[in-house]
PDB file of all heavy atoms in Angstrom:
ATOM      1  N   ALA A   1     101.084 107.317 102.399  1.00  0.00           N
ATOM      2  CA  ALA A   1     100.345 107.733 103.591  1.00  0.00           C
ATOM      3  C   ALA A   1     100.751 106.888 104.790  1.00  0.00           C
ATOM      4  O   ALA A   1     100.946 107.403 105.905  1.00  0.00           O
ATOM      5  CB  ALA A   1      98.844 107.632 103.332  1.00  0.00           C
ATOM      6  N   GLU A   2     100.888 105.595 104.578  1.00  0.00           N
ATOM      7  CA  GLU A   2     101.293 104.706 105.662  1.00  0.00           C
ATOM      8  C   GLU A   2     102.721 105.003 106.100  1.00  0.00           C
ATOM      9  O   GLU A   2     103.028 105.011 107.308  1.00  0.00           O
ATOM     10  CB  GLU A   2     101.160 103.251 105.203  1.00  0.00           C
ATOM     11  CG  GLU A   2     101.296 102.238 106.316  1.00  0.00           C
ATOM     12  CD  GLU A   2     100.912 100.848 105.862  1.00  0.00           C
ATOM     13  OE1 GLU A   2     101.408 100.393 104.801  1.00  0.00           O
ATOM     14  OE2 GLU A   2     100.111 100.204 106.555  1.00  0.00           O
ATOM     15  N   GLU A   3     103.606 105.276 105.148  1.00  0.00           N
ATOM     16  CA  GLU A   3     104.999 105.573 105.485  1.00  0.00           C
ATOM     17  C   GLU A   3     105.119 106.871 106.283  1.00  0.00           C
ATOM     18  O   GLU A   3     105.950 106.970 107.197  1.00  0.00           O
ATOM     19  CB  GLU A   3     105.838 105.647 104.212  1.00  0.00           C
ATOM     20  CG  GLU A   3     106.083 104.294 103.573  1.00  0.00           C
ATOM     21  CD  GLU A   3     106.810 104.380 102.251  1.00  0.00           C
ATOM     22  OE1 GLU A   3     106.754 105.442 101.588  1.00  0.00           O
ATOM     23  OE2 GLU A   3     107.447 103.378 101.857  1.00  0.00           O
ATOM     24  N   VAL A   4     104.300 107.865 105.951  1.00  0.00           N
ATOM     25  CA  VAL A   4     104.323 109.114 106.718  1.00  0.00           C
ATOM     26  C   VAL A   4     103.922 108.850 108.168  1.00  0.00           C
ATOM     27  O   VAL A   4     104.522 109.399 109.105  1.00  0.00           O
ATOM     28  CB  VAL A   4     103.401 110.164 106.068  1.00  0.00           C
ATOM     29  CG1 VAL A   4     103.239 111.381 106.978  1.00  0.00           C
ATOM     30  CG2 VAL A   4     103.959 110.605 104.718  1.00  0.00           C
ATOM     31  N   CYS A   5     102.933 107.988 108.374  1.00  0.00           N
ATOM     32  CA  CYS A   5     102.551 107.609 109.742  1.00  0.00           C
ATOM     33  C   CYS A   5     103.700 106.888 110.445  1.00  0.00           C
ATOM     34  O   CYS A   5     103.946 107.114 111.644  1.00  0.00           O
ATOM     35  CB  CYS A   5     101.302 106.724 109.720  1.00  0.00           C
ATOM     36  SG  CYS A   5      99.805 107.552 109.155  1.00  0.00           S
ATOM     37  N   GLU A   6     104.404 106.034 109.727  1.00  0.00           N
ATOM     38  CA  GLU A   6     105.568 105.360 110.300  1.00  0.00           C
ATOM     39  C   GLU A   6     106.615 106.381 110.736  1.00  0.00           C
ATOM     40  O   GLU A   6     107.203 106.267 111.824  1.00  0.00           O
ATOM     41  CB  GLU A   6     106.180 104.394 109.280  1.00  0.00           C
ATOM     42  CG  GLU A   6     105.318 103.184 108.955  1.00  0.00           C
ATOM     43  CD  GLU A   6     105.878 102.366 107.805  1.00  0.00           C
ATOM     44  OE1 GLU A   6     106.971 102.713 107.294  1.00  0.00           O
ATOM     45  OE2 GLU A   6     105.228 101.377 107.406  1.00  0.00           O
ATOM     46  N   GLY A   7     106.853 107.378 109.891  1.00  0.00           N
ATOM     47  CA  GLY A   7     107.837 108.408 110.222  1.00  0.00           C
ATOM     48  C   GLY A   7     107.470 109.174 111.473  1.00  0.00           C
ATOM     49  O   GLY A   7     108.334 109.458 112.318  1.00  0.00           O
ATOM     50  N   GLN A   8     106.196 109.502 111.618  1.00  0.00           N
ATOM     51  CA  GLN A   8     105.751 110.208 112.825  1.00  0.00           C
ATOM     52  C   GLN A   8     105.919 109.342 114.068  1.00  0.00           C
ATOM     53  O   GLN A   8     106.316 109.830 115.138  1.00  0.00           O
ATOM     54  CB  GLN A   8     104.292 110.654 112.670  1.00  0.00           C
ATOM     55  CG  GLN A   8     103.696 111.312 113.891  1.00  0.00           C
ATOM     56  CD  GLN A   8     104.339 112.639 114.258  1.00  0.00           C
ATOM     57  OE1 GLN A   8     105.138 113.182 113.496  1.00  0.00           O
ATOM     58  NE2 GLN A   8     104.007 113.173 115.413  1.00  0.00           N
ATOM     59  N   GLN A   9     105.653 108.030 113.929  1.00  0.00           N
ATOM     60  CA  GLN A   9     105.831 107.132 115.072  1.00  0.00           C
ATOM     61  C   GLN A   9     107.301 107.028 115.459  1.00  0.00           C
ATOM     62  O   GLN A   9     107.647 107.073 116.649  1.00  0.00           O
ATOM     63  CB  GLN A   9     105.274 105.743 114.763  1.00  0.00           C
ATOM     64  CG  GLN A   9     105.289 104.803 115.963  1.00  0.00           C
ATOM     65  CD  GLN A   9     104.399 105.284 117.087  1.00  0.00           C
ATOM     66  OE1 GLN A   9     103.199 105.470 116.901  1.00  0.00           O
ATOM     67  NE2 GLN A   9     104.979 105.505 118.264  1.00  0.00           N
ATOM     68  N   TYR A  10     108.175 106.909 114.455  1.00  0.00           N
ATOM     69  CA  TYR A  10     109.612 106.890 114.747  1.00  0.00           C
ATOM     70  C   TYR A  10     110.018 108.174 115.475  1.00  0.00           C
ATOM     71  O   TYR A  10     110.780 108.135 116.455  1.00  0.00           O
ATOM     72  CB  TYR A  10     110.433 106.775 113.462  1.00  0.00           C
ATOM     73  CG  TYR A  10     110.476 105.397 112.847  1.00  0.00           C
ATOM     74  CD1 TYR A  10     110.254 105.225 111.476  1.00  0.00           C
ATOM     75  CD2 TYR A  10     110.765 104.272 113.606  1.00  0.00           C
ATOM     76  CE1 TYR A  10     110.301 103.967 110.898  1.00  0.00           C
ATOM     77  CE2 TYR A  10     110.821 103.018 113.039  1.00  0.00           C
ATOM     78  CZ  TYR A  10     110.588 102.863 111.680  1.00  0.00           C
ATOM     79  OH  TYR A  10     110.640 101.612 111.101  1.00  0.00           O
ATOM     80  N   ASP A  11     109.523 109.323 115.017  1.00  0.00           N
ATOM     81  CA  ASP A  11     109.876 110.602 115.616  1.00  0.00           C
ATOM     82  C   ASP A  11     109.467 110.635 117.084  1.00  0.00           C
ATOM     83  O   ASP A  11     110.228 111.084 117.949  1.00  0.00           O
ATOM     84  CB  ASP A  11     109.191 111.734 114.834  1.00  0.00           C
ATOM     85  CG  ASP A  11     109.773 113.104 115.152  1.00  0.00           C
ATOM     86  OD1 ASP A  11     110.904 113.177 115.666  1.00  0.00           O
ATOM     87  OD2 ASP A  11     109.101 114.110 114.880  1.00  0.00           O
ATOM     88  N   MET A  12     108.269 110.151 117.380  1.00  0.00           N
ATOM     89  CA  MET A  12     107.817 110.120 118.778  1.00  0.00           C
ATOM     90  C   MET A  12     108.634 109.123 119.593  1.00  0.00           C
ATOM     91  O   MET A  12     108.995 109.401 120.750  1.00  0.00           O
ATOM     92  CB  MET A  12     106.331 109.780 118.836  1.00  0.00           C
ATOM     93  CG  MET A  12     105.421 110.868 118.286  1.00  0.00           C
ATOM     94  SD  MET A  12     103.662 110.570 118.631  1.00  0.00           S
ATOM     95  CE  MET A  12     103.390 109.038 117.742  1.00  0.00           C
ATOM     96  N   ASP A  13     108.928 107.964 118.999  1.00  0.00           N
ATOM     97  CA  ASP A  13     109.720 106.960 119.714  1.00  0.00           C
ATOM     98  C   ASP A  13     111.101 107.493 120.078  1.00  0.00           C
ATOM     99  O   ASP A  13     111.642 107.186 121.146  1.00  0.00           O
ATOM    100  CB  ASP A  13     109.876 105.702 118.863  1.00  0.00           C
ATOM    101  CG  ASP A  13     108.576 104.916 118.709  1.00  0.00           C
ATOM    102  OD1 ASP A  13     107.611 105.204 119.451  1.00  0.00           O
ATOM    103  OD2 ASP A  13     108.525 104.024 117.835  1.00  0.00           O
ATOM    104  N   PHE A  14     111.681 108.294 119.171  1.00  0.00           N
ATOM    105  CA  PHE A  14     113.041 108.788 119.376  1.00  0.00           C
ATOM    106  C   PHE A  14     113.149 109.738 120.569  1.00  0.00           C
ATOM    107  O   PHE A  14     114.240 109.943 121.095  1.00  0.00           O
ATOM    108  CB  PHE A  14     113.549 109.511 118.121  1.00  0.00           C
ATOM    109  CG  PHE A  14     113.853 108.597 116.966  1.00  0.00           C
ATOM    110  CD1 PHE A  14     114.252 109.122 115.743  1.00  0.00           C
ATOM    111  CD2 PHE A  14     113.743 107.227 117.083  1.00  0.00           C
ATOM    112  CE1 PHE A  14     114.533 108.291 114.670  1.00  0.00           C
ATOM    113  CE2 PHE A  14     114.015 106.383 116.009  1.00  0.00           C
ATOM    114  CZ  PHE A  14     114.405 106.922 114.803  1.00  0.00           C
ATOM    115  N   GLU A  15     112.028 110.321 120.992  1.00  0.00           N
ATOM    116  CA  GLU A  15     112.072 111.270 122.104  1.00  0.00           C
ATOM    117  C   GLU A  15     112.592 110.607 123.383  1.00  0.00           C
ATOM    118  O   GLU A  15     113.261 111.244 124.192  1.00  0.00           O
ATOM    119  CB  GLU A  15     110.684 111.862 122.348  1.00  0.00           C
ATOM    120  CG  GLU A  15     110.204 112.775 121.225  1.00  0.00           C
ATOM    121  CD  GLU A  15     108.810 113.314 121.479  1.00  0.00           C
ATOM    122  OE1 GLU A  15     108.292 113.124 122.618  1.00  0.00           O
ATOM    123  OE2 GLU A  15     108.228 113.928 120.566  1.00  0.00           O
ATOM    124  N   THR A  16     112.277 109.332 123.542  1.00  0.00           N
ATOM    125  CA  THR A  16     112.681 108.635 124.766  1.00  0.00           C
ATOM    126  C   THR A  16     113.635 107.466 124.510  1.00  0.00           C
ATOM    127  O   THR A  16     114.157 106.879 125.453  1.00  0.00           O
ATOM    128  CB  THR A  16     111.439 108.092 125.508  1.00  0.00           C
ATOM    129  OG1 THR A  16     110.681 107.264 124.619  1.00  0.00           O
ATOM    130  CG2 THR A  16     110.558 109.245 125.983  1.00  0.00           C
ATOM    131  N   ALA A  17     113.860 107.141 123.241  1.00  0.00           N
ATOM    132  CA  ALA A  17     114.693 105.975 122.913  1.00  0.00           C
ATOM    133  C   ALA A  17     116.175 106.276 123.121  1.00  0.00           C
ATOM    134  O   ALA A  17     116.653 107.373 122.838  1.00  0.00           O
ATOM    135  CB  ALA A  17     114.451 105.546 121.469  1.00  0.00           C
ATOM    136  N   ALA A  18     116.876 105.273 123.619  1.00  0.00           N
ATOM    137  CA  ALA A  18     118.331 105.366 123.725  1.00  0.00           C
ATOM    138  C   ALA A  18     118.947 104.659 122.520  1.00  0.00           C
ATOM    139  O   ALA A  18     118.351 103.760 121.936  1.00  0.00           O
ATOM    140  CB  ALA A  18     118.803 104.714 125.025  1.00  0.00           C
ATOM    141  N   GLY A  19     120.146 105.091 122.147  1.00  0.00           N
ATOM    142  CA  GLY A  19     120.866 104.409 121.080  1.00  0.00           C
ATOM    143  C   GLY A  19     120.379 104.705 119.676  1.00  0.00           C
ATOM    144  O   GLY A  19     120.600 103.908 118.752  1.00  0.00           O
ATOM    145  N   VAL A  20     119.677 105.846 119.479  1.00  0.00           N
ATOM    146  CA  VAL A  20     119.252 106.225 118.128  1.00  0.00           C
ATOM    147  C   VAL A  20     120.491 106.538 117.305  1.00  0.00           C
ATOM    148  O   VAL A  20     121.378 107.274 117.735  1.00  0.00           O
ATOM    149  CB  VAL A  20     118.315 107.450 118.165  1.00  0.00           C
ATOM    150  CG1 VAL A  20     117.952 107.902 116.753  1.00  0.00           C
ATOM    151  CG2 VAL A  20     117.052 107.129 118.960  1.00  0.00           C
ATOM    152  N   THR A  21     120.571 105.972 116.110  1.00  0.00           N
ATOM    153  CA  THR A  21     121.727 106.160 115.236  1.00  0.00           C
ATOM    154  C   THR A  21     121.403 107.115 114.096  1.00  0.00           C
ATOM    155  O   THR A  21     120.227 107.432 113.844  1.00  0.00           O
ATOM    156  CB  THR A  21     122.180 104.821 114.637  1.00  0.00           C
ATOM    157  OG1 THR A  21     121.133 104.336 113.764  1.00  0.00           O
ATOM    158  CG2 THR A  21     122.466 103.792 115.721  1.00  0.00           C
ATOM    159  N   ILE A  22     122.430 107.546 113.386  1.00  0.00           N
ATOM    160  CA  ILE A  22     122.210 108.413 112.228  1.00  0.00           C
ATOM    161  C   ILE A  22     121.383 107.703 111.151  1.00  0.00           C
ATOM    162  O   ILE A  22     120.459 108.303 110.597  1.00  0.00           O
ATOM    163  CB  ILE A  22     123.549 108.942 111.682  1.00  0.00           C
ATOM    164  CG1 ILE A  22     124.104 109.988 112.660  1.00  0.00           C
ATOM    165  CG2 ILE A  22     123.385 109.543 110.284  1.00  0.00           C
ATOM    166  CD1 ILE A  22     125.471 110.508 112.333  1.00  0.00           C
ATOM    167  N   PRO A  23     121.655 106.426 110.820  1.00  0.00           N
ATOM    168  CA  PRO A  23     120.757 105.732 109.871  1.00  0.00           C
ATOM    169  C   PRO A  23     119.307 105.685 110.358  1.00  0.00           C
ATOM    170  O   PRO A  23     118.383 105.794 109.544  1.00  0.00           O
ATOM    171  CB  PRO A  23     121.358 104.331 109.784  1.00  0.00           C
ATOM    172  CG  PRO A  23     122.806 104.536 110.053  1.00  0.00           C
ATOM    173  CD  PRO A  23     122.847 105.613 111.111  1.00  0.00           C
ATOM    174  N   ASP A  24     119.097 105.541 111.675  1.00  0.00           N
ATOM    175  CA  ASP A  24     117.737 105.589 112.222  1.00  0.00           C
ATOM    176  C   ASP A  24     117.097 106.947 111.931  1.00  0.00           C
ATOM    177  O   ASP A  24     115.928 107.032 111.535  1.00  0.00           O
ATOM    178  CB  ASP A  24     117.741 105.386 113.744  1.00  0.00           C
ATOM    179  CG  ASP A  24     118.137 103.984 114.162  1.00  0.00           C
ATOM    180  OD1 ASP A  24     117.954 103.048 113.363  1.00  0.00           O
ATOM    181  OD2 ASP A  24     118.632 103.832 115.296  1.00  0.00           O
ATOM    182  N   TYR A  25     117.869 107.992 112.142  1.00  0.00           N
ATOM    183  CA  TYR A  25     117.353 109.343 111.932  1.00  0.00           C
ATOM    184  C   TYR A  25     117.025 109.596 110.462  1.00  0.00           C
ATOM    185  O   TYR A  25     115.972 110.161 110.139  1.00  0.00           O
ATOM    186  CB  TYR A  25     118.366 110.380 112.428  1.00  0.00           C
ATOM    187  CG  TYR A  25     117.904 111.799 112.196  1.00  0.00           C
ATOM    188  CD1 TYR A  25     116.831 112.326 112.892  1.00  0.00           C
ATOM    189  CD2 TYR A  25     118.524 112.607 111.240  1.00  0.00           C
ATOM    190  CE1 TYR A  25     116.389 113.620 112.674  1.00  0.00           C
ATOM    191  CE2 TYR A  25     118.080 113.901 111.008  1.00  0.00           C
ATOM    192  CZ  TYR A  25     117.017 114.394 111.718  1.00  0.00           C
ATOM    193  OH  TYR A  25     116.566 115.672 111.487  1.00  0.00           O
ATOM    194  N   ILE A  26     117.902 109.160 109.581  1.00  0.00           N
ATOM    195  CA  ILE A  26     117.659 109.331 108.143  1.00  0.00           C
ATOM    196  C   ILE A  26     116.398 108.580 107.735  1.00  0.00           C
ATOM    197  O   ILE A  26     115.581 109.094 106.959  1.00  0.00           O
ATOM    198  CB  ILE A  26     118.866 108.857 107.315  1.00  0.00           C
ATOM    199  CG1 ILE A  26     120.106 109.718 107.608  1.00  0.00           C
ATOM    200  CG2 ILE A  26     118.543 108.865 105.822  1.00  0.00           C
ATOM    201  CD1 ILE A  26     119.972 111.172 107.228  1.00  0.00           C
ATOM    202  N   ARG A  27     116.205 107.384 108.262  1.00  0.00           N
ATOM    203  CA  ARG A  27     114.990 106.629 107.959  1.00  0.00           C
ATOM    204  C   ARG A  27     113.759 107.379 108.442  1.00  0.00           C
ATOM    205  O   ARG A  27     112.730 107.421 107.749  1.00  0.00           O
ATOM    206  CB  ARG A  27     115.044 105.248 108.622  1.00  0.00           C
ATOM    207  CG  ARG A  27     113.794 104.402 108.377  1.00  0.00           C
ATOM    208  CD  ARG A  27     113.895 103.036 109.036  1.00  0.00           C
ATOM    209  NE  ARG A  27     114.077 103.145 110.487  1.00  0.00           N
ATOM    210  CZ  ARG A  27     114.178 102.104 111.305  1.00  0.00           C
ATOM    211  NH1 ARG A  27     114.139 100.873 110.827  1.00  0.00           N
ATOM    212  NH2 ARG A  27     114.336 102.275 112.605  1.00  0.00           N
ATOM    213  N   MET A  28     113.847 108.008 109.624  1.00  0.00           N
ATOM    214  CA  MET A  28     112.706 108.734 110.163  1.00  0.00           C
ATOM    215  C   MET A  28     112.342 109.925 109.281  1.00  0.00           C
ATOM    216  O   MET A  28     111.173 110.115 108.922  1.00  0.00           O
ATOM    217  CB  MET A  28     113.004 109.202 111.588  1.00  0.00           C
ATOM    218  CG  MET A  28     111.834 109.903 112.274  1.00  0.00           C
ATOM    219  SD  MET A  28     111.746 111.687 111.944  1.00  0.00           S
ATOM    220  CE  MET A  28     113.132 112.275 112.936  1.00  0.00           C
ATOM    221  N   ILE A  29     113.331 110.755 108.899  1.00  0.00           N
ATOM    222  CA  ILE A  29     113.000 111.937 108.096  1.00  0.00           C
ATOM    223  C   ILE A  29     112.603 111.546 106.672  1.00  0.00           C
ATOM    224  O   ILE A  29     111.813 112.243 106.032  1.00  0.00           O
ATOM    225  CB  ILE A  29     114.142 112.977 108.087  1.00  0.00           C
ATOM    226  CG1 ILE A  29     115.427 112.415 107.459  1.00  0.00           C
ATOM    227  CG2 ILE A  29     114.410 113.484 109.501  1.00  0.00           C
ATOM    228  CD1 ILE A  29     116.533 113.456 107.318  1.00  0.00           C
ATOM    229  N   GLU A  30     113.130 110.417 106.208  1.00  0.00           N
ATOM    230  CA  GLU A  30     112.706 109.919 104.900  1.00  0.00           C
ATOM    231  C   GLU A  30     111.211 109.621 104.916  1.00  0.00           C
ATOM    232  O   GLU A  30     110.466 110.044 104.025  1.00  0.00           O
ATOM    233  CB  GLU A  30     113.486 108.655 104.540  1.00  0.00           C
ATOM    234  CG  GLU A  30     113.020 108.006 103.241  1.00  0.00           C
ATOM    235  CD  GLU A  30     113.624 106.634 103.040  1.00  0.00           C
ATOM    236  OE1 GLU A  30     113.792 105.897 104.027  1.00  0.00           O
ATOM    237  OE2 GLU A  30     113.911 106.296 101.881  1.00  0.00           O
ATOM    238  N   ARG A  31     110.747 108.905 105.949  1.00  0.00           N
ATOM    239  CA  ARG A  31     109.337 108.526 106.026  1.00  0.00           C
ATOM    240  C   ARG A  31     108.462 109.735 106.364  1.00  0.00           C
ATOM    241  O   ARG A  31     107.398 109.915 105.771  1.00  0.00           O
ATOM    242  CB  ARG A  31     109.136 107.442 107.084  1.00  0.00           C
ATOM    243  CG  ARG A  31     109.959 106.183 106.840  1.00  0.00           C
ATOM    244  CD  ARG A  31     109.469 105.387 105.643  1.00  0.00           C
ATOM    245  NE  ARG A  31     110.369 104.299 105.310  1.00  0.00           N
ATOM    246  CZ  ARG A  31     110.353 103.116 105.892  1.00  0.00           C
ATOM    247  NH1 ARG A  31     109.487 102.848 106.858  1.00  0.00           N
ATOM    248  NH2 ARG A  31     111.206 102.175 105.514  1.00  0.00           N
ATOM    249  N   LYS A  32     108.884 110.540 107.306  1.00  0.00           N
ATOM    250  CA  LYS A  32     108.028 111.629 107.791  1.00  0.00           C
ATOM    251  C   LYS A  32     107.900 112.762 106.779  1.00  0.00           C
ATOM    252  O   LYS A  32     106.846 113.401 106.692  1.00  0.00           O
ATOM    253  CB  LYS A  32     108.583 112.172 109.111  1.00  0.00           C
ATOM    254  CG  LYS A  32     107.667 113.219 109.748  1.00  0.00           C
ATOM    255  CD  LYS A  32     108.128 113.598 111.132  1.00  0.00           C
ATOM    256  CE  LYS A  32     107.200 114.666 111.723  1.00  0.00           C
ATOM    257  NZ  LYS A  32     107.563 115.039 113.098  1.00  0.00           N
ATOM    258  N   THR A  33     108.955 113.024 106.016  1.00  0.00           N
ATOM    259  CA  THR A  33     108.980 114.192 105.139  1.00  0.00           C
ATOM    260  C   THR A  33     109.237 113.849 103.673  1.00  0.00           C
ATOM    261  O   THR A  33     108.501 114.281 102.787  1.00  0.00           O
ATOM    262  CB  THR A  33     110.074 115.175 105.616  1.00  0.00           C
ATOM    263  OG1 THR A  33     109.798 115.566 106.961  1.00  0.00           O
ATOM    264  CG2 THR A  33     110.143 116.401 104.730  1.00  0.00           C
ATOM    265  N   ALA A  34     110.280 113.072 103.419  1.00  0.00           N
ATOM    266  CA  ALA A  34     110.793 112.953 102.051  1.00  0.00           C
ATOM    267  C   ALA A  34     109.898 112.138 101.133  1.00  0.00           C
ATOM    268  O   ALA A  34     109.761 112.458  99.944  1.00  0.00           O
ATOM    269  CB  ALA A  34     112.207 112.352 102.084  1.00  0.00           C
ATOM    270  N   VAL A  35     109.296 111.061 101.639  1.00  0.00           N
ATOM    271  CA  VAL A  35     108.521 110.193 100.740  1.00  0.00           C
ATOM    272  C   VAL A  35     107.319 110.917 100.148  1.00  0.00           C
ATOM    273  O   VAL A  35     106.902 110.618  99.015  1.00  0.00           O
ATOM    274  CB  VAL A  35     108.068 108.889 101.440  1.00  0.00           C
ATOM    275  CG1 VAL A  35     109.261 108.021 101.795  1.00  0.00           C
ATOM    276  CG2 VAL A  35     107.197 109.175 102.661  1.00  0.00           C
ATOM    277  N   LEU A  36     106.751 111.888 100.864  1.00  0.00           N
ATOM    278  CA  LEU A  36     105.599 112.605 100.322  1.00  0.00           C
ATOM    279  C   LEU A  36     106.014 113.519  99.174  1.00  0.00           C
ATOM    280  O   LEU A  36     105.246 113.708  98.223  1.00  0.00           O
ATOM    281  CB  LEU A  36     104.896 113.402 101.422  1.00  0.00           C
ATOM    282  CG  LEU A  36     103.550 114.030 101.030  1.00  0.00           C
ATOM    283  CD1 LEU A  36     102.573 112.968 100.510  1.00  0.00           C
ATOM    284  CD2 LEU A  36     102.937 114.785 102.202  1.00  0.00           C
ATOM    285  N   LEU A  37     107.226 114.072  99.237  1.00  0.00           N
ATOM    286  CA  LEU A  37     107.725 114.865  98.115  1.00  0.00           C
ATOM    287  C   LEU A  37     107.925 113.973  96.887  1.00  0.00           C
ATOM    288  O   LEU A  37     107.555 114.345  95.765  1.00  0.00           O
ATOM    289  CB  LEU A  37     109.038 115.550  98.483  1.00  0.00           C
ATOM    290  CG  LEU A  37     109.001 116.528  99.655  1.00  0.00           C
ATOM    291  CD1 LEU A  37     110.372 117.159  99.859  1.00  0.00           C
ATOM    292  CD2 LEU A  37     107.955 117.606  99.437  1.00  0.00           C
ATOM    293  N   GLY A  38     108.513 112.800  97.124  1.00  0.00           N
ATOM    294  CA  GLY A  38     108.691 111.859  96.019  1.00  0.00           C
ATOM    295  C   GLY A  38     107.364 111.417  95.433  1.00  0.00           C
ATOM    296  O   GLY A  38     107.187 111.359  94.209  1.00  0.00           O
ATOM    297  N   ALA A  39     106.406 111.114  96.298  1.00  0.00           N
ATOM    298  CA  ALA A  39     105.102 110.654  95.835  1.00  0.00           C
ATOM    299  C   ALA A  39     104.366 111.740  95.069  1.00  0.00           C
ATOM    300  O   ALA A  39     103.666 111.457  94.084  1.00  0.00           O
ATOM    301  CB  ALA A  39     104.262 110.187  97.017  1.00  0.00           C
ATOM    302  N   ALA A  40     104.494 112.999  95.504  1.00  0.00           N
ATOM    303  CA  ALA A  40     103.834 114.105  94.805  1.00  0.00           C
ATOM    304  C   ALA A  40     104.297 114.162  93.350  1.00  0.00           C
ATOM    305  O   ALA A  40     103.476 114.286  92.424  1.00  0.00           O
ATOM    306  CB  ALA A  40     104.129 115.421  95.514  1.00  0.00           C
ATOM    307  N   LEU A  41     105.598 114.065  93.148  1.00  0.00           N
ATOM    308  CA  LEU A  41     106.137 114.088  91.786  1.00  0.00           C
ATOM    309  C   LEU A  41     105.729 112.845  90.999  1.00  0.00           C
ATOM    310  O   LEU A  41     105.342 112.930  89.823  1.00  0.00           O
ATOM    311  CB  LEU A  41     107.660 114.197  91.832  1.00  0.00           C
ATOM    312  CG  LEU A  41     108.226 115.599  92.074  1.00  0.00           C
ATOM    313  CD1 LEU A  41     109.690 115.517  92.461  1.00  0.00           C
ATOM    314  CD2 LEU A  41     108.048 116.474  90.830  1.00  0.00           C
ATOM    315  N   LYS A  42     105.809 111.698  91.636  1.00  0.00           N
ATOM    316  CA  LYS A  42     105.499 110.445  90.948  1.00  0.00           C
ATOM    317  C   LYS A  42     104.033 110.391  90.540  1.00  0.00           C
ATOM    318  O   LYS A  42     103.699 110.000  89.411  1.00  0.00           O
ATOM    319  CB  LYS A  42     105.842 109.262  91.851  1.00  0.00           C
ATOM    320  CG  LYS A  42     105.714 107.896  91.165  1.00  0.00           C
ATOM    321  CD  LYS A  42     106.238 106.786  92.067  1.00  0.00           C
ATOM    322  CE  LYS A  42     106.323 105.473  91.293  1.00  0.00           C
ATOM    323  NZ  LYS A  42     106.933 104.398  92.107  1.00  0.00           N
ATOM    324  N   ILE A  43     103.144 110.789  91.436  1.00  0.00           N
ATOM    325  CA  ILE A  43     101.718 110.780  91.134  1.00  0.00           C
ATOM    326  C   ILE A  43     101.402 111.779  90.021  1.00  0.00           C
ATOM    327  O   ILE A  43     100.610 111.502  89.116  1.00  0.00           O
ATOM    328  CB  ILE A  43     100.905 111.064  92.412  1.00  0.00           C
ATOM    329  CG1 ILE A  43     100.949 109.832  93.333  1.00  0.00           C
ATOM    330  CG2 ILE A  43      99.468 111.450  92.087  1.00  0.00           C
ATOM    331  CD1 ILE A  43     100.369 110.068  94.707  1.00  0.00           C
ATOM    332  N   GLY A  44     102.035 112.964  90.072  1.00  0.00           N
ATOM    333  CA  GLY A  44     101.860 113.929  89.004  1.00  0.00           C
ATOM    334  C   GLY A  44     102.325 113.379  87.665  1.00  0.00           C
ATOM    335  O   GLY A  44     101.664 113.556  86.633  1.00  0.00           O
ATOM    336  N   ALA A  45     103.469 112.688  87.682  1.00  0.00           N
ATOM    337  CA  ALA A  45     103.991 112.083  86.450  1.00  0.00           C
ATOM    338  C   ALA A  45     103.043 111.011  85.926  1.00  0.00           C
ATOM    339  O   ALA A  45     102.794 110.926  84.713  1.00  0.00           O
ATOM    340  CB  ALA A  45     105.378 111.501  86.710  1.00  0.00           C
ATOM    341  N   TYR A  46     102.498 110.198  86.814  1.00  0.00           N
ATOM    342  CA  TYR A  46     101.507 109.204  86.400  1.00  0.00           C
ATOM    343  C   TYR A  46     100.321 109.880  85.713  1.00  0.00           C
ATOM    344  O   TYR A  46      99.843 109.417  84.671  1.00  0.00           O
ATOM    345  CB  TYR A  46     100.990 108.422  87.614  1.00  0.00           C
ATOM    346  CG  TYR A  46     101.882 107.306  88.108  1.00  0.00           C
ATOM    347  CD1 TYR A  46     101.833 106.915  89.446  1.00  0.00           C
ATOM    348  CD2 TYR A  46     102.739 106.620  87.257  1.00  0.00           C
ATOM    349  CE1 TYR A  46     102.627 105.881  89.931  1.00  0.00           C
ATOM    350  CE2 TYR A  46     103.532 105.590  87.727  1.00  0.00           C
ATOM    351  CZ  TYR A  46     103.476 105.220  89.065  1.00  0.00           C
ATOM    352  OH  TYR A  46     104.253 104.189  89.521  1.00  0.00           O
TER     353      TYR A  46
END
């Protein structure tokens, strides 16, 4: 839940930030979208 909030903050920051890199972008989509998919499976497995 905290990581998803981090991803949303990165996404908003990127709207005006200069020098955003591809690793920055991957980190943003990982937090905003991907970690919840991973957590859904992991929690189900638990």
